[in-house]
Amino acid sequence: MTTDIRRVNEMEAWSALLSDAEFEAGSPEYRYETRLALADSMLERKVIDCGEWRELVDEAVSAYADDVG
């Protein structure tokens, strides 16, 4: 089994958003749009497949719902 380093790096970037001060300081809409843009970018570059994209989008929607309460 081989590890796709590019995929690992991209998923680490997704996770790093959670501890990024600029990201956290943004509005709920900014954080939502940023998450969606990153997920879309990874899908377009074929770093992730449609199922993984859907999981990231679901995570973004859930986080947005939590943010706006």
Protein backbone atom coordinates (compact mmCIF):
# COMPACT_ATOMS: atom_id res chain seq x y z
CA MET A 1 0.00 0.00 0.00
CA THR A 2 1.40 3.38 -0.97
CA THR A 3 0.68 6.68 0.69
CA ASP A 4 -0.20 9.61 -1.52
CA ILE A 5 1.93 12.35 0.04
CA ARG A 6 0.02 15.06 -1.79
CA ARG A 7 -3.27 13.81 -0.36
CA VAL A 8 -1.80 13.62 3.15
CA ASN A 9 -0.46 17.18 2.86
CA GLU A 10 -3.79 18.50 1.61
CA MET A 11 -5.73 16.82 4.40
CA GLU A 12 -3.26 18.23 6.92
CA ALA A 13 -3.93 21.69 5.47
CA TRP A 14 -7.66 21.10 6.00
CA SER A 15 -7.04 20.15 9.63
CA ALA A 16 -4.64 23.06 10.14
CA LEU A 17 -7.50 25.48 9.47
CA LEU A 18 -8.86 24.65 12.91
CA SER A 19 -5.83 26.18 14.61
CA ASP A 20 -5.24 29.07 12.21
CA ALA A 21 -5.81 32.41 13.97
CA GLU A 22 -6.87 34.28 10.82
CA PHE A 23 -9.34 31.54 9.91
CA GLU A 24 -10.80 31.46 13.42
CA ALA A 25 -11.10 35.26 13.49
CA GLY A 26 -13.25 35.23 10.36
CA SER A 27 -17.02 35.23 10.25
CA PRO A 28 -18.95 31.96 10.12
CA GLU A 29 -19.58 32.65 6.43
CA TYR A 30 -15.86 33.18 5.78
CA ARG A 31 -14.97 29.92 7.52
CA TYR A 32 -17.69 28.05 5.62
CA GLU A 33 -16.67 29.45 2.24
CA THR A 34 -12.99 28.75 2.96
CA ARG A 35 -13.74 25.14 3.81
CA LEU A 36 -15.85 24.70 0.68
CA ALA A 37 -13.21 26.30 -1.54
CA LEU A 38 -10.50 24.02 -0.16
CA ALA A 39 -12.67 20.92 -0.62
CA ASP A 40 -13.59 21.98 -4.18
CA SER A 41 -9.94 22.63 -5.00
CA MET A 42 -8.87 19.21 -3.75
CA LEU A 43 -11.61 17.54 -5.82
CA GLU A 44 -10.77 19.50 -8.99
CA ARG A 45 -7.09 18.54 -8.64
CA LYS A 46 -8.11 14.91 -8.05
CA VAL A 47 -6.47 14.85 -4.62
CA ILE A 48 -9.70 13.43 -3.18
CA ASP A 49 -12.60 11.53 -4.67
CA CYS A 50 -16.30 12.46 -4.65
CA GLY A 51 -16.98 10.53 -1.44
CA GLU A 52 -14.19 12.30 0.42
CA TRP A 53 -15.35 15.63 -1.00
CA ARG A 54 -18.87 14.96 0.30
CA GLU A 55 -17.45 14.20 3.77
CA LEU A 56 -15.55 17.50 3.80
CA VAL A 57 -18.62 19.42 2.61
CA ASP A 58 -20.73 17.75 5.31
CA GLU A 59 -18.09 18.74 7.87
CA ALA A 60 -18.17 22.35 6.59
CA VAL A 61 -21.98 22.46 6.79
CA SER A 62 -21.95 21.03 10.31
CA ALA A 63 -19.30 23.50 11.47
CA TYR A 64 -21.27 26.39 9.96
CA ALA A 65 -24.45 25.25 11.70
CA ASP A 66 -22.54 25.10 15.01
CA ASP A 67 -21.09 28.57 14.41
CA VAL A 68 -24.41 30.24 13.74
CA GLY A 69 -26.11 28.25 16.44
